[in-house]
Amino acid sequence: MQLTSSAFDEGAHIPTEHSCDGEDVSPPLAWTDPPAETEAFMLIVEDPDAGNFVHWVLTDIPAAIDDIPAAQGDRIGRPGRNSFGAAGWGGPCPPSGEHRYVFTLYAVSRTIAVGDGASAADARAAMIGHILGEARLTGRYARDG
């Protein structure tokens, strides 16, 4: 599987519109070559430079979907709870310096069924034994000033 974004390349700067300094909308994502047995996808976005601060948990993305348009992810899948304490996308907002944001898409053999507002830990626990494949995309973001 491969995960890409039309907004930024692997290792590149995430545009401001997807951060707390802009509109704070989720970036567009697309993926290819999922395993044939995929029943659903799950997405977790974390900042490893801030102790794996969770920016997005999105479960139960239908298997027929292969892209998420900008600002639409929370309508396509089931949004979980991020580390800001809210459901859905919470864009990059590092307190200082440049941080990495790792988008990990999982292909799973069943829907995750963890319910609305699930944490990344809840989603990961529900996926045990059901992960068929995964793909990663890493972006970077630093605040001005």
C-alpha atoms as a PDB file:
ATOM      1  CA  MET A   1       0.000   0.000   0.000  1.00  0.00           C
ATOM      2  CA  GLN A   2       1.117   3.547  -0.628  1.00  0.00           C
ATOM      3  CA  LEU A   3      -0.271   6.686   1.062  1.00  0.00           C
ATOM      4  CA  THR A   4       0.126  10.106  -0.577  1.00  0.00           C
ATOM      5  CA  SER A   5      -1.213  13.648  -0.355  1.00  0.00           C
ATOM      6  CA  SER A   6      -1.626  16.200  -3.123  1.00  0.00           C
ATOM      7  CA  ALA A   7      -0.944  18.879  -0.463  1.00  0.00           C
ATOM      8  CA  PHE A   8       2.579  17.740   0.483  1.00  0.00           C
ATOM      9  CA  ASP A   9       5.191  15.153  -0.458  1.00  0.00           C
ATOM     10  CA  GLU A  10       6.853  12.644   1.846  1.00  0.00           C
ATOM     11  CA  GLY A  11       8.992  14.554   4.346  1.00  0.00           C
ATOM     12  CA  ALA A  12       7.844  17.958   3.064  1.00  0.00           C
ATOM     13  CA  HIS A  13       6.148  20.932   4.739  1.00  0.00           C
ATOM     14  CA  ILE A  14       2.426  20.574   5.498  1.00  0.00           C
ATOM     15  CA  PRO A  15       0.647  23.686   4.161  1.00  0.00           C
ATOM     16  CA  THR A  16      -0.520  26.212   6.769  1.00  0.00           C
ATOM     17  CA  GLU A  17      -4.200  25.737   5.824  1.00  0.00           C
ATOM     18  CA  HIS A  18      -4.039  22.285   7.461  1.00  0.00           C
ATOM     19  CA  SER A  19      -2.655  23.664  10.751  1.00  0.00           C
ATOM     20  CA  CYS A  20      -3.839  25.688  13.734  1.00  0.00           C
ATOM     21  CA  ASP A  21      -2.297  28.722  12.047  1.00  0.00           C
ATOM     22  CA  GLY A  22      -4.683  28.394   9.100  1.00  0.00           C
ATOM     23  CA  GLU A  23      -8.117  26.924   8.468  1.00  0.00           C
ATOM     24  CA  ASP A  24      -7.142  23.733  10.355  1.00  0.00           C
ATOM     25  CA  VAL A  25      -8.746  21.436   7.767  1.00  0.00           C
ATOM     26  CA  SER A  26      -7.530  17.905   7.201  1.00  0.00           C
ATOM     27  CA  PRO A  27      -5.256  17.442   4.177  1.00  0.00           C
ATOM     28  CA  PRO A  28      -6.287  15.433   1.127  1.00  0.00           C
ATOM     29  CA  LEU A  29      -5.052  11.837   1.221  1.00  0.00           C
ATOM     30  CA  ALA A  30      -5.070   9.011  -1.319  1.00  0.00           C
ATOM     31  CA  TRP A  31      -3.884   5.424  -1.271  1.00  0.00           C
ATOM     32  CA  THR A  32      -3.224   2.594  -3.693  1.00  0.00           C
ATOM     33  CA  ASP A  33      -2.782  -1.174  -3.673  1.00  0.00           C
ATOM     34  CA  PRO A  34      -4.595  -2.227  -0.484  1.00  0.00           C
ATOM     35  CA  PRO A  35      -4.744  -5.956   0.260  1.00  0.00           C
ATOM     36  CA  ALA A  36      -7.647  -7.684  -1.538  1.00  0.00           C
ATOM     37  CA  GLU A  37      -9.226  -8.827   1.747  1.00  0.00           C
ATOM     38  CA  THR A  38      -9.527  -5.266   3.123  1.00  0.00           C
ATOM     39  CA  GLU A  39     -12.910  -4.593   4.752  1.00  0.00           C
ATOM     40  CA  ALA A  40     -12.102  -1.136   6.148  1.00  0.00           C
ATOM     41  CA  PHE A  41      -9.312   1.360   6.720  1.00  0.00           C
ATOM     42  CA  MET A  42      -8.217   3.177   9.832  1.00  0.00           C
ATOM     43  CA  LEU A  43      -6.037   6.274  10.040  1.00  0.00           C
ATOM     44  CA  ILE A  44      -3.963   7.597  12.940  1.00  0.00           C
ATOM     45  CA  VAL A  45      -1.925  10.808  12.724  1.00  0.00           C
ATOM     46  CA  GLU A  46       0.652  11.421  15.440  1.00  0.00           C
ATOM     47  CA  ASP A  47       3.466  13.835  16.239  1.00  0.00           C
ATOM     48  CA  PRO A  48       6.401  11.704  17.457  1.00  0.00           C
ATOM     49  CA  ASP A  49       8.295  14.879  18.402  1.00  0.00           C
ATOM     50  CA  ALA A  50       5.628  15.635  21.019  1.00  0.00           C
ATOM     51  CA  GLY A  51       5.399  12.212  22.649  1.00  0.00           C
ATOM     52  CA  ASN A  52       3.134  10.755  19.938  1.00  0.00           C
ATOM     53  CA  PHE A  53       0.547  13.501  20.398  1.00  0.00           C
ATOM     54  CA  VAL A  54      -2.515  12.293  18.446  1.00  0.00           C
ATOM     55  CA  HIS A  55      -3.879  14.671  15.811  1.00  0.00           C
ATOM     56  CA  TRP A  56      -6.421  12.380  14.159  1.00  0.00           C
ATOM     57  CA  VAL A  57      -8.080   9.033  14.657  1.00  0.00           C
ATOM     58  CA  LEU A  58     -10.413   7.962  11.873  1.00  0.00           C
ATOM     59  CA  THR A  59     -11.914   4.479  11.919  1.00  0.00           C
ATOM     60  CA  ASP A  60     -14.349   2.543   9.737  1.00  0.00           C
ATOM     61  CA  ILE A  61     -13.339   4.141   6.449  1.00  0.00           C
ATOM     62  CA  PRO A  62     -15.170   1.958   3.885  1.00  0.00           C
ATOM     63  CA  ALA A  63     -13.019  -0.438   1.842  1.00  0.00           C
ATOM     64  CA  ALA A  64     -14.358   1.050  -1.418  1.00  0.00           C
ATOM     65  CA  ILE A  65     -12.784   4.428  -0.554  1.00  0.00           C
ATOM     66  CA  ASP A  66      -9.282   5.183  -1.867  1.00  0.00           C
ATOM     67  CA  ASP A  67      -9.038   8.871  -1.103  1.00  0.00           C
ATOM     68  CA  ILE A  68     -10.154  11.518   1.362  1.00  0.00           C
ATOM     69  CA  PRO A  69     -10.610  15.031  -0.027  1.00  0.00           C
ATOM     70  CA  ALA A  70      -9.350  17.962   2.056  1.00  0.00           C
ATOM     71  CA  ALA A  71     -11.622  18.729   5.029  1.00  0.00           C
ATOM     72  CA  GLN A  72     -13.793  15.647   4.348  1.00  0.00           C
ATOM     73  CA  GLY A  73     -12.266  12.815   6.397  1.00  0.00           C
ATOM     74  CA  ASP A  74     -14.507  13.221   9.410  1.00  0.00           C
ATOM     75  CA  ARG A  75     -17.518  12.743   7.090  1.00  0.00           C
ATOM     76  CA  ILE A  76     -16.109   9.610   5.422  1.00  0.00           C
ATOM     77  CA  GLY A  77     -14.950   7.631   8.442  1.00  0.00           C
ATOM     78  CA  ARG A  78     -15.799   7.629  12.142  1.00  0.00           C
ATOM     79  CA  PRO A  79     -13.754  10.319  13.945  1.00  0.00           C
ATOM     80  CA  GLY A  80     -12.040   9.373  17.156  1.00  0.00           C
ATOM     81  CA  ARG A  81     -10.642  11.526  19.943  1.00  0.00           C
ATOM     82  CA  ASN A  82      -7.422  13.444  19.396  1.00  0.00           C
ATOM     83  CA  SER A  83      -4.995  14.636  22.071  1.00  0.00           C
ATOM     84  CA  PHE A  84      -6.601  18.096  21.999  1.00  0.00           C
ATOM     85  CA  GLY A  85      -9.622  16.372  23.605  1.00  0.00           C
ATOM     86  CA  ALA A  86     -11.891  16.762  20.579  1.00  0.00           C
ATOM     87  CA  ALA A  87     -13.198  14.366  17.950  1.00  0.00           C
ATOM     88  CA  GLY A  88     -11.805  14.624  14.445  1.00  0.00           C
ATOM     89  CA  TRP A  89      -8.854  16.358  12.841  1.00  0.00           C
ATOM     90  CA  GLY A  90      -6.669  18.666  14.910  1.00  0.00           C
ATOM     91  CA  GLY A  91      -3.912  20.068  12.740  1.00  0.00           C
ATOM     92  CA  PRO A  92      -0.249  20.677  13.453  1.00  0.00           C
ATOM     93  CA  CYS A  93       0.321  23.270  16.172  1.00  0.00           C
ATOM     94  CA  PRO A  94       3.821  22.702  17.586  1.00  0.00           C
ATOM     95  CA  PRO A  95       4.806  24.844  20.581  1.00  0.00           C
ATOM     96  CA  SER A  96       8.302  25.385  19.139  1.00  0.00           C
ATOM     97  CA  GLY A  97      10.541  24.193  16.347  1.00  0.00           C
ATOM     98  CA  GLU A  98       9.720  21.875  13.485  1.00  0.00           C
ATOM     99  CA  HIS A  99       7.762  18.710  14.207  1.00  0.00           C
ATOM    100  CA  ARG A 100       7.037  15.578  12.164  1.00  0.00           C
ATOM    101  CA  TYR A 101       3.474  14.378  11.593  1.00  0.00           C
ATOM    102  CA  VAL A 102       3.142  10.697  10.757  1.00  0.00           C
ATOM    103  CA  PHE A 103      -0.015   9.639   8.923  1.00  0.00           C
ATOM    104  CA  THR A 104      -0.465   5.856   9.223  1.00  0.00           C
ATOM    105  CA  LEU A 105      -3.222   4.160   7.235  1.00  0.00           C
ATOM    106  CA  TYR A 106      -4.136   0.611   8.218  1.00  0.00           C
ATOM    107  CA  ALA A 107      -5.994  -1.862   6.013  1.00  0.00           C
ATOM    108  CA  VAL A 108      -8.011  -4.136   8.285  1.00  0.00           C
ATOM    109  CA  SER A 109      -9.994  -7.331   7.779  1.00  0.00           C
ATOM    110  CA  ARG A 110     -13.099  -5.992   9.556  1.00  0.00           C
ATOM    111  CA  THR A 111     -14.623  -2.726  10.663  1.00  0.00           C
ATOM    112  CA  ILE A 112     -13.028  -1.496  13.875  1.00  0.00           C
ATOM    113  CA  ALA A 113     -16.330  -0.858  15.687  1.00  0.00           C
ATOM    114  CA  VAL A 114     -14.837   1.070  18.589  1.00  0.00           C
ATOM    115  CA  GLY A 115     -17.531   3.742  18.653  1.00  0.00           C
ATOM    116  CA  ASP A 116     -17.469   7.488  18.313  1.00  0.00           C
ATOM    117  CA  GLY A 117     -14.714   9.327  20.136  1.00  0.00           C
ATOM    118  CA  ALA A 118     -12.408   6.307  20.425  1.00  0.00           C
ATOM    119  CA  SER A 119      -8.794   7.009  21.306  1.00  0.00           C
ATOM    120  CA  ALA A 120      -5.837   5.856  19.218  1.00  0.00           C
ATOM    121  CA  ALA A 121      -5.145   3.230  21.908  1.00  0.00           C
ATOM    122  CA  ASP A 122      -8.750   1.957  21.666  1.00  0.00           C
ATOM    123  CA  ALA A 123      -8.479   1.707  17.891  1.00  0.00           C
ATOM    124  CA  ARG A 124      -5.105  -0.036  18.022  1.00  0.00           C
ATOM    125  CA  ALA A 125      -6.397  -2.565  20.538  1.00  0.00           C
ATOM    126  CA  ALA A 126      -9.416  -3.319  18.334  1.00  0.00           C
ATOM    127  CA  MET A 127      -7.145  -3.873  15.316  1.00  0.00           C
ATOM    128  CA  ILE A 128      -4.997  -6.566  16.943  1.00  0.00           C
ATOM    129  CA  GLY A 129      -5.057  -9.617  14.694  1.00  0.00           C
ATOM    130  CA  HIS A 130      -6.905  -7.788  11.904  1.00  0.00           C
ATOM    131  CA  ILE A 131      -4.209  -5.622  10.265  1.00  0.00           C
ATOM    132  CA  LEU A 132      -3.634  -6.675   6.656  1.00  0.00           C
ATOM    133  CA  GLY A 133      -1.280  -3.862   5.686  1.00  0.00           C
ATOM    134  CA  GLU A 134      -0.218  -0.333   6.471  1.00  0.00           C
ATOM    135  CA  ALA A 135       1.208   2.717   4.728  1.00  0.00           C
ATOM    136  CA  ARG A 136       2.829   5.860   6.122  1.00  0.00           C
ATOM    137  CA  LEU A 137       3.253   9.434   5.012  1.00  0.00           C
ATOM    138  CA  THR A 138       5.272  11.941   7.042  1.00  0.00           C
ATOM    139  CA  GLY A 139       4.928  15.707   6.801  1.00  0.00           C
ATOM    140  CA  ARG A 140       6.681  18.496   8.697  1.00  0.00           C
ATOM    141  CA  TYR A 141       5.420  21.706  10.196  1.00  0.00           C
ATOM    142  CA  ALA A 142       6.974  24.649  12.053  1.00  0.00           C
ATOM    143  CA  ARG A 143       5.108  27.729  13.235  1.00  0.00           C
ATOM    144  CA  ASP A 144       6.298  31.176  12.213  1.00  0.00           C
ATOM    145  CA  GLY A 145       7.561  33.499  14.888  1.00  0.00           C
END
